């Protein structure tokens, strides 16, 4: 089921902004040993899963989810940071409409 054609590109753009912000928050949360870090990861991943479904299963979304799952288990902060920043960077490549296909 693909609702993608029915979603205004402005709404997808807003969702992309949310994802960059939400993913980036994982950096200070890790540094500050945020008590609910795992719950926050779960929340972001759940939203990505839903977004992936309605946006037509874009490969970038799967890669972002993979990077977040990797970071979730990573103890080395430098590797964690790289995975988080890579995930943030990939959000830019999520298509906002079918005409954006690469």
C-alpha atoms as a PDB file:
ATOM      1  CA  UNK A   1       0.000   0.000   0.000  1.00  0.00           C
ATOM      2  CA  UNK A   2       1.507   3.352  -1.047  1.00  0.00           C
ATOM      3  CA  UNK A   3      -0.041   6.600   0.164  1.00  0.00           C
ATOM      4  CA  UNK A   4       2.997   8.485  -1.081  1.00  0.00           C
ATOM      5  CA  UNK A   5       1.306  10.117  -4.068  1.00  0.00           C
ATOM      6  CA  UNK A   6      -1.363  11.598  -1.787  1.00  0.00           C
ATOM      7  CA  UNK A   7       1.021  13.217   0.718  1.00  0.00           C
ATOM      8  CA  UNK A   8       1.943  16.850  -0.005  1.00  0.00           C
ATOM      9  CA  UNK A   9       5.692  17.283  -0.510  1.00  0.00           C
ATOM     10  CA  UNK A  10       5.637  20.041   2.117  1.00  0.00           C
ATOM     11  CA  UNK A  11       4.480  17.496   4.679  1.00  0.00           C
ATOM     12  CA  UNK A  12       7.308  15.126   3.707  1.00  0.00           C
ATOM     13  CA  UNK A  13       9.757  18.042   4.000  1.00  0.00           C
ATOM     14  CA  UNK A  14       8.455  18.783   7.508  1.00  0.00           C
ATOM     15  CA  UNK A  15       8.832  15.125   8.457  1.00  0.00           C
ATOM     16  CA  UNK A  16      12.415  15.153   7.181  1.00  0.00           C
ATOM     17  CA  UNK A  17      13.151  18.171   9.413  1.00  0.00           C
ATOM     18  CA  UNK A  18      11.677  16.285  12.352  1.00  0.00           C
ATOM     19  CA  UNK A  19      13.879  13.255  11.617  1.00  0.00           C
ATOM     20  CA  UNK A  20      17.081  15.316  11.433  1.00  0.00           C
ATOM     21  CA  UNK A  21      16.249  16.964  14.756  1.00  0.00           C
ATOM     22  CA  UNK A  22      15.155  13.747  16.455  1.00  0.00           C
ATOM     23  CA  UNK A  23      18.186  11.794  15.268  1.00  0.00           C
ATOM     24  CA  UNK A  24      20.623  14.568  16.157  1.00  0.00           C
ATOM     25  CA  UNK A  25      19.246  14.638  19.735  1.00  0.00           C
ATOM     26  CA  UNK A  26      20.713  11.169  20.148  1.00  0.00           C
ATOM     27  CA  UNK A  27      24.191  12.708  20.444  1.00  0.00           C
ATOM     28  CA  UNK A  28      23.662  14.756  23.626  1.00  0.00           C
ATOM     29  CA  UNK A  29      21.360  12.089  25.030  1.00  0.00           C
ATOM     30  CA  UNK A  30      24.206   9.556  24.811  1.00  0.00           C
ATOM     31  CA  UNK A  31      26.778  11.997  26.215  1.00  0.00           C
ATOM     32  CA  UNK A  32      24.511  12.839  29.143  1.00  0.00           C
ATOM     33  CA  UNK A  33      23.587   9.204  29.794  1.00  0.00           C
ATOM     34  CA  UNK A  34      19.919  10.011  29.279  1.00  0.00           C
ATOM     35  CA  UNK A  35      17.943   7.511  31.321  1.00  0.00           C
ATOM     36  CA  UNK A  36      15.401   6.881  28.562  1.00  0.00           C
ATOM     37  CA  UNK A  37      17.822   6.711  25.618  1.00  0.00           C
ATOM     38  CA  UNK A  38      16.677   3.263  24.538  1.00  0.00           C
ATOM     39  CA  UNK A  39      13.020   4.341  24.692  1.00  0.00           C
ATOM     40  CA  UNK A  40      13.876   7.384  22.585  1.00  0.00           C
ATOM     41  CA  UNK A  41      15.626   5.181  20.004  1.00  0.00           C
ATOM     42  CA  UNK A  42      12.526   2.983  19.922  1.00  0.00           C
ATOM     43  CA  UNK A  43      10.257   5.982  19.371  1.00  0.00           C
ATOM     44  CA  UNK A  44      12.335   7.352  16.479  1.00  0.00           C
ATOM     45  CA  UNK A  45      12.621   3.911  14.884  1.00  0.00           C
ATOM     46  CA  UNK A  46       8.866   3.331  15.139  1.00  0.00           C
ATOM     47  CA  UNK A  47       8.182   6.614  13.399  1.00  0.00           C
ATOM     48  CA  UNK A  48      10.714   5.741  10.692  1.00  0.00           C
ATOM     49  CA  UNK A  49       9.038   2.347  10.166  1.00  0.00           C
ATOM     50  CA  UNK A  50       5.670   4.025   9.653  1.00  0.00           C
ATOM     51  CA  UNK A  51       7.156   6.690   7.409  1.00  0.00           C
ATOM     52  CA  UNK A  52       8.941   4.043   5.367  1.00  0.00           C
ATOM     53  CA  UNK A  53       5.665   2.260   4.715  1.00  0.00           C
ATOM     54  CA  UNK A  54       3.686   5.303   3.624  1.00  0.00           C
ATOM     55  CA  UNK A  55       6.542   6.760   1.557  1.00  0.00           C
ATOM     56  CA  UNK A  56       6.940   3.705  -0.632  1.00  0.00           C
ATOM     57  CA  UNK A  57       9.830   1.933   1.123  1.00  0.00           C
ATOM     58  CA  UNK A  58      12.673   4.229   0.089  1.00  0.00           C
ATOM     59  CA  UNK A  59      16.111   2.584   0.469  1.00  0.00           C
ATOM     60  CA  UNK A  60      17.498   5.610   2.328  1.00  0.00           C
ATOM     61  CA  UNK A  61      15.015   5.067   5.144  1.00  0.00           C
ATOM     62  CA  UNK A  62      16.141   1.468   5.578  1.00  0.00           C
ATOM     63  CA  UNK A  63      19.772   2.609   5.728  1.00  0.00           C
ATOM     64  CA  UNK A  64      18.901   5.252   8.332  1.00  0.00           C
ATOM     65  CA  UNK A  65      17.145   2.613  10.424  1.00  0.00           C
ATOM     66  CA  UNK A  66      20.141   0.290  10.083  1.00  0.00           C
ATOM     67  CA  UNK A  67      22.537   3.013  11.233  1.00  0.00           C
ATOM     68  CA  UNK A  68      20.329   3.793  14.222  1.00  0.00           C
ATOM     69  CA  UNK A  69      20.111   0.122  15.213  1.00  0.00           C
ATOM     70  CA  UNK A  70      23.912  -0.091  14.970  1.00  0.00           C
ATOM     71  CA  UNK A  71      24.367   3.062  17.064  1.00  0.00           C
ATOM     72  CA  UNK A  72      21.885   1.826  19.639  1.00  0.00           C
ATOM     73  CA  UNK A  73      24.246  -1.024  20.571  1.00  0.00           C
ATOM     74  CA  UNK A  74      27.562   0.844  20.086  1.00  0.00           C
ATOM     75  CA  UNK A  75      29.617   1.711  23.179  1.00  0.00           C
ATOM     76  CA  UNK A  76      32.447   3.528  21.365  1.00  0.00           C
ATOM     77  CA  UNK A  77      31.243   7.142  21.265  1.00  0.00           C
ATOM     78  CA  UNK A  78      33.174   8.020  18.081  1.00  0.00           C
ATOM     79  CA  UNK A  79      31.554   5.150  16.173  1.00  0.00           C
ATOM     80  CA  UNK A  80      28.185   6.033  17.698  1.00  0.00           C
ATOM     81  CA  UNK A  81      28.605   9.677  16.663  1.00  0.00           C
ATOM     82  CA  UNK A  82      29.566   8.749  13.098  1.00  0.00           C
ATOM     83  CA  UNK A  83      26.521   6.484  12.722  1.00  0.00           C
ATOM     84  CA  UNK A  84      24.207   9.210  14.055  1.00  0.00           C
ATOM     85  CA  UNK A  85      25.687  11.896  11.809  1.00  0.00           C
ATOM     86  CA  UNK A  86      25.576   9.566   8.797  1.00  0.00           C
ATOM     87  CA  UNK A  87      21.898   8.889   9.525  1.00  0.00           C
ATOM     88  CA  UNK A  88      21.200  12.637   9.744  1.00  0.00           C
ATOM     89  CA  UNK A  89      22.941  13.181   6.420  1.00  0.00           C
ATOM     90  CA  UNK A  90      20.907  10.491   4.698  1.00  0.00           C
ATOM     91  CA  UNK A  91      17.631  12.155   5.632  1.00  0.00           C
ATOM     92  CA  UNK A  92      18.404  14.769   2.960  1.00  0.00           C
ATOM     93  CA  UNK A  93      18.206  12.043   0.290  1.00  0.00           C
ATOM     94  CA  UNK A  94      14.661  10.970   1.157  1.00  0.00           C
ATOM     95  CA  UNK A  95      12.466  11.847  -1.807  1.00  0.00           C
ATOM     96  CA  UNK A  96       9.636  14.287  -1.193  1.00  0.00           C
ATOM     97  CA  UNK A  97       7.720  13.191  -4.276  1.00  0.00           C
ATOM     98  CA  UNK A  98       7.893  10.600  -7.023  1.00  0.00           C
ATOM     99  CA  UNK A  99       9.320  13.276  -9.328  1.00  0.00           C
ATOM    100  CA  UNK A 100      12.389  13.420  -7.053  1.00  0.00           C
ATOM    101  CA  UNK A 101      13.369   9.849  -7.991  1.00  0.00           C
ATOM    102  CA  UNK A 102      17.108   9.506  -8.481  1.00  0.00           C
END
